[in-house]
N, C-alpha and C. Protein backbone atom coordinates (compact mmCIF):
# COMPACT_ATOMS: atom_id res chain seq x y z
N GLN A 1 122.74 71.14 99.05
CA GLN A 1 123.37 70.45 97.87
C GLN A 1 124.74 71.02 97.70
N THR A 2 125.68 70.23 97.47
CA THR A 2 126.98 70.74 97.28
C THR A 2 127.29 70.73 95.68
N MET A 3 128.00 71.73 95.29
CA MET A 3 128.29 71.87 93.98
C MET A 3 129.88 72.19 93.95
N ALA A 4 130.45 71.95 92.76
CA ALA A 4 131.86 72.22 92.59
C ALA A 4 132.18 72.69 91.18
N ILE A 5 133.21 73.25 90.92
CA ILE A 5 133.76 73.67 89.61
C ILE A 5 135.20 73.23 89.64
N SER A 6 135.69 73.00 88.52
CA SER A 6 137.22 72.70 88.41
C SER A 6 137.69 73.20 87.08
N LYS A 7 138.98 73.31 87.01
CA LYS A 7 139.61 73.71 85.86
C LYS A 7 140.92 72.99 85.68
N THR A 8 141.13 72.44 84.62
CA THR A 8 142.35 71.58 84.36
C THR A 8 143.12 72.30 83.34
N GLN A 9 144.50 72.32 83.60
CA GLN A 9 145.34 73.04 82.63
C GLN A 9 146.76 72.42 82.64
N GLU A 10 147.38 72.32 81.42
CA GLU A 10 148.68 71.71 81.29
C GLU A 10 149.63 72.84 81.33
N PHE A 11 150.74 72.69 82.18
CA PHE A 11 151.67 73.66 82.32
C PHE A 11 153.13 73.20 81.98
N THR A 12 153.28 72.04 81.08
CA THR A 12 154.59 71.57 80.89
C THR A 12 155.49 72.37 80.20
N THR A 13 155.03 73.11 79.25
CA THR A 13 156.02 74.05 78.49
C THR A 13 156.58 75.11 79.46
N GLU A 14 155.68 75.73 80.19
CA GLU A 14 156.14 76.72 81.28
C GLU A 14 157.18 76.19 82.19
N PHE A 15 156.91 75.05 82.73
CA PHE A 15 157.65 74.44 83.69
C PHE A 15 159.05 74.04 83.13
N ASN A 16 158.93 73.42 81.97
CA ASN A 16 160.25 73.09 81.35
C ASN A 16 161.20 74.25 80.93
N SER A 17 160.55 75.26 80.53
CA SER A 17 161.35 76.57 80.08
C SER A 17 162.15 77.07 81.31
N SER A 18 161.84 77.00 82.53
CA SER A 18 162.55 77.55 83.64
C SER A 18 162.83 76.61 84.74
N GLY A 19 162.24 75.49 84.78
CA GLY A 19 162.37 74.51 85.86
C GLY A 19 161.61 74.93 87.03
N LYS A 20 160.58 75.88 86.76
CA LYS A 20 159.83 76.39 87.98
C LYS A 20 158.43 76.68 87.31
N LEU A 21 157.41 76.50 88.05
CA LEU A 21 156.00 76.93 87.86
C LEU A 21 155.36 77.61 89.05
N ASN A 22 155.04 78.86 88.89
CA ASN A 22 154.39 79.64 90.00
C ASN A 22 152.94 79.72 89.64
N LEU A 23 152.11 79.34 90.63
CA LEU A 23 150.57 79.21 90.46
C LEU A 23 150.02 80.20 91.45
N ASP A 24 148.99 80.95 91.07
CA ASP A 24 148.06 81.79 91.91
C ASP A 24 146.97 80.90 92.13
N VAL A 25 146.84 80.39 93.42
CA VAL A 25 145.83 79.41 93.73
C VAL A 25 144.83 80.05 94.73
N SER A 26 144.84 81.35 94.90
CA SER A 26 143.90 82.01 95.74
C SER A 26 142.46 81.77 95.12
N GLY A 27 141.56 81.49 96.12
CA GLY A 27 140.15 81.25 95.73
C GLY A 27 139.81 79.76 95.33
N TRP A 28 140.74 78.89 95.33
CA TRP A 28 140.58 77.50 95.08
C TRP A 28 140.64 76.77 96.34
N ASP A 29 139.85 75.74 96.47
CA ASP A 29 139.90 74.89 97.76
C ASP A 29 140.87 73.72 97.68
N SER A 30 141.19 73.23 96.44
CA SER A 30 142.22 72.25 96.42
C SER A 30 142.88 72.37 94.97
N VAL A 31 144.11 71.90 95.10
CA VAL A 31 144.89 71.85 93.70
C VAL A 31 145.47 70.45 93.59
N VAL A 32 145.17 69.93 92.47
CA VAL A 32 145.76 68.54 92.26
C VAL A 32 146.69 68.60 91.02
N VAL A 33 148.03 68.15 91.33
CA VAL A 33 149.04 68.26 90.39
C VAL A 33 149.63 66.81 90.05
N GLN A 34 149.56 66.61 88.62
CA GLN A 34 149.94 65.28 88.15
C GLN A 34 151.37 65.47 87.49
N PHE A 35 152.44 64.81 87.92
CA PHE A 35 153.79 64.85 87.48
C PHE A 35 153.90 63.67 86.57
N VAL A 36 154.39 63.82 85.34
CA VAL A 36 154.76 62.63 84.48
C VAL A 36 156.16 62.71 84.21
N THR A 37 156.90 61.71 84.69
CA THR A 37 158.35 61.50 84.32
C THR A 37 159.11 62.82 84.70
N PRO A 38 159.16 63.14 85.89
CA PRO A 38 160.05 64.40 86.20
C PRO A 38 161.50 63.89 86.00
N ALA A 39 162.42 64.81 85.51
CA ALA A 39 163.81 64.39 85.28
C ALA A 39 164.47 64.41 86.63
N ALA A 40 164.19 65.04 87.51
CA ALA A 40 164.76 65.10 88.82
C ALA A 40 163.59 65.51 89.96
N ALA A 41 164.10 65.51 91.23
CA ALA A 41 163.11 65.91 92.22
C ALA A 41 162.41 67.33 91.97
N VAL A 42 161.11 67.32 92.16
CA VAL A 42 160.37 68.61 92.19
C VAL A 42 159.98 68.86 93.59
N THR A 43 160.31 70.15 93.99
CA THR A 43 159.99 70.66 95.48
C THR A 43 158.74 71.47 95.42
N PHE A 44 157.97 71.30 96.41
CA PHE A 44 156.72 72.13 96.49
C PHE A 44 157.04 73.28 97.48
N ASN A 45 156.80 74.50 97.05
CA ASN A 45 156.99 75.71 97.74
C ASN A 45 155.64 76.59 97.85
N GLY A 46 155.50 77.44 98.77
CA GLY A 46 154.36 78.25 98.80
C GLY A 46 154.82 79.68 99.50
N THR A 47 154.08 80.63 99.15
CA THR A 47 154.20 81.93 99.70
C THR A 47 152.91 82.82 99.67
N ASN A 48 152.73 83.79 100.49
CA ASN A 48 151.54 84.65 100.54
C ASN A 48 152.11 86.06 100.02
N ASP A 49 153.44 86.14 99.75
CA ASP A 49 154.08 87.40 99.24
C ASP A 49 154.04 87.43 97.87
N GLY A 50 153.03 88.16 97.29
CA GLY A 50 153.10 88.40 95.84
C GLY A 50 154.00 89.49 95.33
N GLY A 51 154.94 89.99 96.08
CA GLY A 51 155.96 90.95 95.63
C GLY A 51 155.19 92.27 95.48
N ALA A 52 154.17 92.52 96.23
CA ALA A 52 153.42 93.76 96.12
C ALA A 52 154.33 95.05 96.23
N GLN A 53 154.00 96.08 95.60
CA GLN A 53 154.59 97.50 95.85
C GLN A 53 153.47 98.38 96.04
N THR A 54 153.58 98.96 97.30
CA THR A 54 152.47 99.85 97.87
C THR A 54 152.14 101.02 96.64
N GLY A 55 150.90 101.02 96.30
CA GLY A 55 150.39 102.01 95.26
C GLY A 55 150.86 101.75 93.87
N VAL A 56 151.53 100.62 93.64
CA VAL A 56 152.04 100.18 92.32
C VAL A 56 151.21 98.95 91.87
N THR A 57 151.30 97.76 92.71
CA THR A 57 150.83 96.53 92.29
C THR A 57 150.58 95.72 93.57
N ASP A 58 149.52 94.85 93.48
CA ASP A 58 149.21 93.86 94.54
C ASP A 58 150.22 92.75 94.40
N GLY A 59 150.92 92.50 93.52
CA GLY A 59 151.86 91.34 93.15
C GLY A 59 151.03 90.32 92.47
N ASN A 60 151.80 89.33 92.17
CA ASN A 60 151.23 88.29 91.36
C ASN A 60 152.16 86.98 91.40
N ALA A 61 151.78 85.88 90.80
CA ALA A 61 152.57 84.61 91.01
C ALA A 61 154.00 84.87 90.36
N LYS A 62 154.11 85.57 89.23
CA LYS A 62 155.51 85.68 88.74
C LYS A 62 156.40 86.57 89.63
N SER A 63 155.80 87.54 90.30
CA SER A 63 156.66 88.51 91.17
C SER A 63 156.74 87.92 92.65
N ALA A 64 156.00 86.87 92.97
CA ALA A 64 155.99 86.37 94.31
C ALA A 64 157.39 86.05 94.81
N THR A 65 157.52 86.22 96.05
CA THR A 65 158.96 86.03 96.74
C THR A 65 158.56 85.33 98.12
N GLY A 66 159.64 85.08 98.80
CA GLY A 66 159.63 84.47 100.14
C GLY A 66 159.07 83.07 100.30
N TRP A 67 159.54 82.30 99.23
CA TRP A 67 158.94 80.86 99.11
C TRP A 67 159.52 80.09 100.28
N THR A 68 158.64 79.29 100.85
CA THR A 68 158.95 78.23 101.78
C THR A 68 158.42 76.85 101.44
N VAL A 69 159.02 75.66 101.89
CA VAL A 69 158.57 74.46 101.49
C VAL A 69 157.20 74.17 102.09
N ILE A 70 156.27 73.46 101.34
CA ILE A 70 154.96 73.16 101.78
C ILE A 70 154.86 71.58 101.52
N GLN A 71 153.68 71.06 102.03
CA GLN A 71 153.49 69.69 101.68
C GLN A 71 152.35 69.51 100.88
N GLY A 72 152.36 68.52 100.06
CA GLY A 72 151.17 67.96 99.36
C GLY A 72 150.95 66.42 99.65
N VAL A 73 149.93 65.86 99.37
CA VAL A 73 149.52 64.59 99.76
C VAL A 73 149.46 63.70 98.47
N ASP A 74 150.22 62.62 98.51
CA ASP A 74 150.33 61.75 97.32
C ASP A 74 148.88 61.04 97.24
N VAL A 75 148.12 61.16 96.26
CA VAL A 75 146.75 60.61 96.25
C VAL A 75 146.70 59.19 96.21
N ALA A 76 147.82 58.47 95.66
CA ALA A 76 147.99 57.00 95.58
C ALA A 76 148.07 56.42 97.08
N THR A 77 148.98 57.09 97.89
CA THR A 77 149.43 56.54 99.09
C THR A 77 148.84 57.19 100.31
N GLY A 78 148.39 58.43 100.21
CA GLY A 78 148.00 59.14 101.32
C GLY A 78 149.11 59.77 102.11
N THR A 79 150.36 59.64 101.56
CA THR A 79 151.54 60.11 102.36
C THR A 79 151.77 61.57 101.98
N ALA A 80 152.01 62.37 102.99
CA ALA A 80 152.38 63.82 102.77
C ALA A 80 153.80 63.81 102.44
N ALA A 81 154.24 64.77 101.52
CA ALA A 81 155.65 64.96 101.09
C ALA A 81 155.88 66.36 100.61
N THR A 82 157.05 66.78 100.66
CA THR A 82 157.54 68.07 100.16
C THR A 82 158.13 68.10 98.77
N THR A 83 158.39 66.90 98.11
CA THR A 83 158.92 66.73 97.03
C THR A 83 158.49 65.47 96.33
N THR A 84 158.64 65.40 94.98
CA THR A 84 158.44 64.09 94.25
C THR A 84 159.49 63.95 93.19
N SER A 85 159.92 62.89 92.73
CA SER A 85 160.87 62.54 91.79
C SER A 85 160.33 61.48 90.78
N THR A 86 159.11 61.06 90.99
CA THR A 86 158.45 60.03 90.10
C THR A 86 157.14 60.42 89.65
N SER A 87 156.79 59.70 88.63
CA SER A 87 155.47 60.00 87.99
C SER A 87 154.31 59.81 89.19
N SER A 88 153.64 60.85 89.52
CA SER A 88 152.79 60.82 90.73
C SER A 88 151.83 61.88 90.58
N THR A 89 150.71 61.87 91.53
CA THR A 89 149.75 62.97 91.64
C THR A 89 149.60 63.46 92.99
N TYR A 90 149.89 64.74 93.24
CA TYR A 90 149.69 65.29 94.72
C TYR A 90 148.62 66.23 94.80
N LYS A 91 147.90 66.21 95.90
CA LYS A 91 146.77 67.11 96.15
C LYS A 91 147.31 68.05 97.26
N PHE A 92 146.92 69.31 97.10
CA PHE A 92 147.25 70.34 98.03
C PHE A 92 145.96 71.04 98.60
N THR A 93 145.66 70.97 99.85
CA THR A 93 144.37 71.58 100.35
C THR A 93 144.59 72.55 101.45
N ALA A 94 145.78 72.62 102.02
CA ALA A 94 146.12 73.81 102.94
C ALA A 94 147.34 74.49 102.35
N PHE A 95 147.12 75.55 101.69
CA PHE A 95 148.23 76.12 101.03
C PHE A 95 148.17 77.65 101.06
N PRO A 96 149.23 78.38 100.77
CA PRO A 96 149.19 79.93 100.80
C PRO A 96 148.60 80.38 99.42
N ARG A 97 148.77 81.67 99.18
CA ARG A 97 148.16 82.29 97.93
C ARG A 97 148.81 81.78 96.61
N PHE A 98 150.17 81.57 96.78
CA PHE A 98 150.92 81.01 95.59
C PHE A 98 151.59 79.65 95.87
N ILE A 99 151.57 78.80 94.83
CA ILE A 99 152.29 77.54 94.94
C ILE A 99 153.38 77.51 93.89
N GLN A 100 154.57 77.04 94.16
CA GLN A 100 155.69 76.93 93.15
C GLN A 100 156.22 75.53 93.18
N LEU A 101 156.26 75.09 91.89
CA LEU A 101 156.83 73.73 91.77
C LEU A 101 158.11 74.05 91.04
N SER A 102 159.26 73.48 91.77
CA SER A 102 160.52 73.84 91.50
C SER A 102 161.44 72.59 91.21
N GLY A 103 161.89 72.35 89.95
CA GLY A 103 162.57 71.24 89.54
C GLY A 103 163.52 71.48 88.34
N THR A 104 163.34 70.64 87.45
CA THR A 104 164.18 70.68 86.12
C THR A 104 163.12 70.67 84.94
N THR A 105 162.88 69.56 84.54
CA THR A 105 161.88 69.29 83.47
C THR A 105 161.09 68.07 83.75
N ALA A 106 159.91 67.88 83.00
CA ALA A 106 159.01 66.80 83.21
C ALA A 106 158.43 66.49 81.77
N ALA A 107 157.97 65.25 81.58
CA ALA A 107 157.13 64.99 80.44
C ALA A 107 155.85 65.74 80.26
N LYS A 108 155.18 65.84 81.56
CA LYS A 108 154.00 66.58 81.65
C LYS A 108 153.75 67.04 83.06
N ILE A 109 153.27 68.23 83.25
CA ILE A 109 152.72 68.80 84.43
C ILE A 109 151.32 69.21 84.09
N ILE A 110 150.34 68.56 84.76
CA ILE A 110 148.92 68.90 84.66
C ILE A 110 148.33 69.25 85.88
N VAL A 111 147.64 70.45 86.03
CA VAL A 111 147.15 70.97 87.28
C VAL A 111 145.57 70.98 87.16
N GLU A 112 144.90 70.63 88.18
CA GLU A 112 143.40 70.67 88.33
C GLU A 112 143.24 71.51 89.58
N PHE A 113 142.49 72.61 89.30
CA PHE A 113 142.03 73.55 90.32
C PHE A 113 140.56 73.28 90.69
N ASN A 114 140.23 73.16 92.07
CA ASN A 114 138.86 72.71 92.43
C ASN A 114 138.29 73.68 93.39
N LYS A 115 137.02 74.07 93.27
CA LYS A 115 136.36 74.87 94.17
C LYS A 115 134.91 74.23 94.49
N ILE A 116 134.75 74.05 95.74
CA ILE A 116 133.45 73.47 96.29
C ILE A 116 132.56 74.53 96.79
N PHE A 117 131.35 74.48 96.39
CA PHE A 117 130.29 75.68 97.02
C PHE A 117 129.31 74.86 97.94
């Protein structure tokens, strides 16, 4: 029998304050992001480098560095993309430890984290 858990969280204020949203997605099987009226293109980035310092910290989403472009799949069309500039929903299933959404502002950014057992 398959079971799943999910957590949904709105990150609009955090995204709009800096034009970036860094998420720790380790331990999740998929991440679904809903973009509502982004003001400009939002780029999808990822990294496994949490900015760790030996003996000091393992790093985290805020200190992460070494971002590279990753793909998400538009759930409406099934098309893979590295950016969006329209109201849309993207699913990420093959991703590094951290995901960054980089743009300007949006009316809403809602993220659903999913884990299947």
